[in-house]
Protein backbone atom coordinates (compact mmCIF):
# COMPACT_ATOMS: atom_id res chain seq x y z
CA MET A 1 7.35 18.77 14.57
CA ALA A 2 8.60 17.79 11.30
CA GLN A 3 5.02 18.61 9.93
CA HIS A 4 5.19 22.17 11.27
CA SER A 5 8.87 23.01 9.78
CA ALA A 6 7.24 21.81 6.44
CA CYS A 7 4.52 24.39 6.79
CA ALA A 8 6.81 27.05 7.74
CA ALA A 9 9.00 26.33 4.73
CA LEU A 10 5.46 26.68 2.69
CA GLN A 11 4.64 30.18 4.48
CA ILE A 12 8.21 31.41 3.69
CA ALA A 13 7.73 30.52 -0.05
CA ALA A 14 4.54 32.58 -0.43
CA VAL A 15 6.51 35.52 1.25
CA ASP A 16 9.87 35.01 -0.32
CA PRO A 17 10.17 34.31 -3.95
CA THR A 18 13.78 33.31 -3.68
CA SER A 19 12.84 30.26 -1.57
CA TYR A 20 10.69 28.81 -4.47
CA ASP A 21 13.70 26.68 -5.65
CA GLU A 22 14.06 25.69 -2.19
CA VAL A 23 10.57 24.25 -2.03
CA VAL A 24 10.63 22.92 -5.56
CA THR A 25 14.03 20.95 -4.73
CA ARG A 26 12.69 19.58 -1.56
CA LEU A 27 9.56 18.38 -3.02
CA LEU A 28 11.81 16.43 -5.53
CA VAL A 29 13.74 14.94 -2.64
CA ILE A 30 10.54 13.84 -0.81
CA GLN A 31 9.11 12.19 -4.16
CA GLU A 32 12.23 10.26 -4.60
CA GLN A 33 12.28 9.37 -0.94
CA GLN A 34 8.66 8.07 -1.40
CA GLN A 35 9.22 5.93 -4.33
CA ALA A 36 12.60 4.38 -2.82
CA LEU A 37 10.36 3.50 0.20
CA ALA A 38 7.34 2.20 -1.90
CA PHE A 39 9.78 -0.31 -3.70
CA GLU A 40 11.47 -1.29 -0.18
CA ARG A 41 8.17 -1.59 1.40
CA GLU A 42 6.66 -3.96 -1.39
CA HIS A 43 9.90 -5.86 -1.25
CA LEU A 44 9.61 -6.32 2.39
CA HIS A 45 5.78 -7.33 2.22
CA HIS A 46 6.78 -9.90 -0.20
CA TRP A 47 9.53 -11.17 1.77
CA LEU A 48 7.39 -11.46 4.95
CA GLN A 49 4.64 -13.36 2.84
CA GLN A 50 7.00 -15.86 1.88
CA ALA A 51 8.38 -16.32 5.17
CA HIS A 52 5.00 -16.85 6.47
CA GLY A 53 4.02 -19.51 3.75
CA ARG A 54 6.92 -21.34 4.48
CA GLY A 55 6.12 -21.22 8.65
CA GLU A 56 9.55 -19.55 9.12
CA LEU A 57 7.77 -16.76 11.32
CA LEU A 58 5.96 -19.10 13.28
CA GLN A 59 9.13 -20.88 14.27
CA ARG A 60 10.67 -17.43 15.14
CA TRP A 61 7.74 -15.75 16.88
CA SER A 62 4.53 -16.54 18.94
CA THR A 63 1.17 -15.99 17.41
CA ASP A 64 -2.26 -14.89 18.69
CA PRO A 65 -4.86 -17.69 18.76
CA ASP A 66 -6.21 -16.69 15.40
CA GLY A 67 -2.55 -16.95 13.70
CA ASP A 68 -2.94 -13.43 12.32
CA SER A 69 -0.48 -11.44 14.42
CA TYR A 70 3.28 -12.44 15.54
CA SER A 71 4.59 -11.14 19.04
CA ILE A 72 8.01 -9.68 18.26
CA ASN A 73 8.69 -8.15 21.52
CA ARG A 74 6.96 -6.21 24.16
CA GLU A 75 6.72 -3.28 22.00
CA LEU A 76 6.19 -4.63 18.31
CA SER A 77 3.74 -6.93 16.91
CA LEU A 78 3.49 -8.17 13.32
CA HIS A 79 -0.27 -8.11 12.10
CA ARG A 80 -1.11 -9.86 8.90
CA ARG A 81 -4.20 -8.38 7.13
CA PRO A 82 -6.03 -10.33 4.43
CA GLY A 83 -5.26 -9.78 0.95
CA HIS A 84 -7.54 -7.88 -1.55
CA LYS A 85 -10.06 -9.93 -3.79
CA GLN A 86 -8.97 -10.06 -7.39
CA TRP A 87 -12.29 -10.62 -9.35
CA SER A 88 -12.46 -12.27 -12.76
CA TYR A 89 -15.66 -11.78 -14.60
CA SER A 90 -17.49 -13.67 -17.43
CA LEU A 91 -17.25 -12.78 -21.12
CA GLN A 92 -20.82 -11.23 -20.89
CA CYS A 93 -19.53 -8.87 -18.12
CA LYS A 94 -16.32 -8.01 -19.94
CA ARG A 95 -18.57 -7.11 -23.06
CA LEU A 96 -21.00 -4.87 -21.02
CA LYS A 97 -17.86 -3.22 -19.58
CA ARG A 98 -16.51 -2.40 -22.93
CA GLN A 99 -19.97 -1.30 -23.95
CA LEU A 100 -20.15 1.29 -20.94
CA ALA A 101 -16.73 2.69 -21.67
CA SER A 102 -17.86 3.56 -25.15
CA GLN A 103 -21.02 4.92 -24.02
CA GLN A 104 -19.16 6.99 -21.48
CA GLN A 105 -16.64 8.22 -24.27
CA GLN A 106 -19.26 9.22 -26.46
CA GLU A 107 -21.03 11.11 -23.50
CA GLN A 108 -17.80 12.77 -22.79
CA GLN A 109 -17.43 13.95 -26.27
CA ASN A 110 -20.85 15.03 -26.99
CA GLY A 111 -20.92 17.16 -23.66
CA THR A 112 -23.66 15.25 -22.01
CA ALA A 113 -21.32 13.78 -19.22
CA SER A 114 -20.24 16.28 -16.48
CA TYR A 115 -16.93 16.28 -14.29
CA THR A 116 -15.71 18.11 -11.30
CA LEU A 117 -12.18 19.02 -11.23
CA GLU A 118 -10.04 18.08 -8.04
CA PRO A 119 -7.13 20.10 -6.69
CA SER A 120 -4.04 19.80 -8.64
CA THR A 121 -0.88 18.22 -7.23
CA TRP A 122 2.71 18.98 -8.17
CA GLU A 123 5.17 16.36 -9.56
CA VAL A 124 8.88 17.39 -9.78
CA LYS A 125 10.99 15.85 -12.34
CA ARG A 126 14.83 15.54 -12.82
CA CYS A 127 15.52 16.79 -16.26
CA ALA A 128 17.94 14.96 -18.56
CA VAL A 129 21.65 16.52 -18.39
C-alpha cells in the first residue's frame, strides 16, 4: 500500500507542477531516513557480531545444529551470514592493476574505450542557511 501511495504521488507530480516541491521534499526526507537507518543498521550488526564473539547470544538463545541461527521466539530467528572475503594481492598484482588503470584512462581519453550511460538518479541536499 505504501508503494502505491508513493507511485500516486509521482503521478500527481507529472500532472500538477505545484507538487514538484512536495516530491523533492519527500525525497529528501526519505534520503535522510535511509542514511540514519544505514548507520543504525551498521551499529546493530557490529553489536551483534561482538556479542556473538563473546558467546552472549548463545547464553540467551538456542541455536540450530550448525550454530548459524538463533531462535529468538516462535516468530523470529536471527541468521548469521558469513562475511565477505577481503583479498590482499602481491606487489606484482598491484603493479598490474595500476598499469591496467593507466591503460584504461588512456583509452578513455583517446576515444578507444566506450561506455553506456545508466539512468540518472536524484539526490536532494539541504542548503546551508
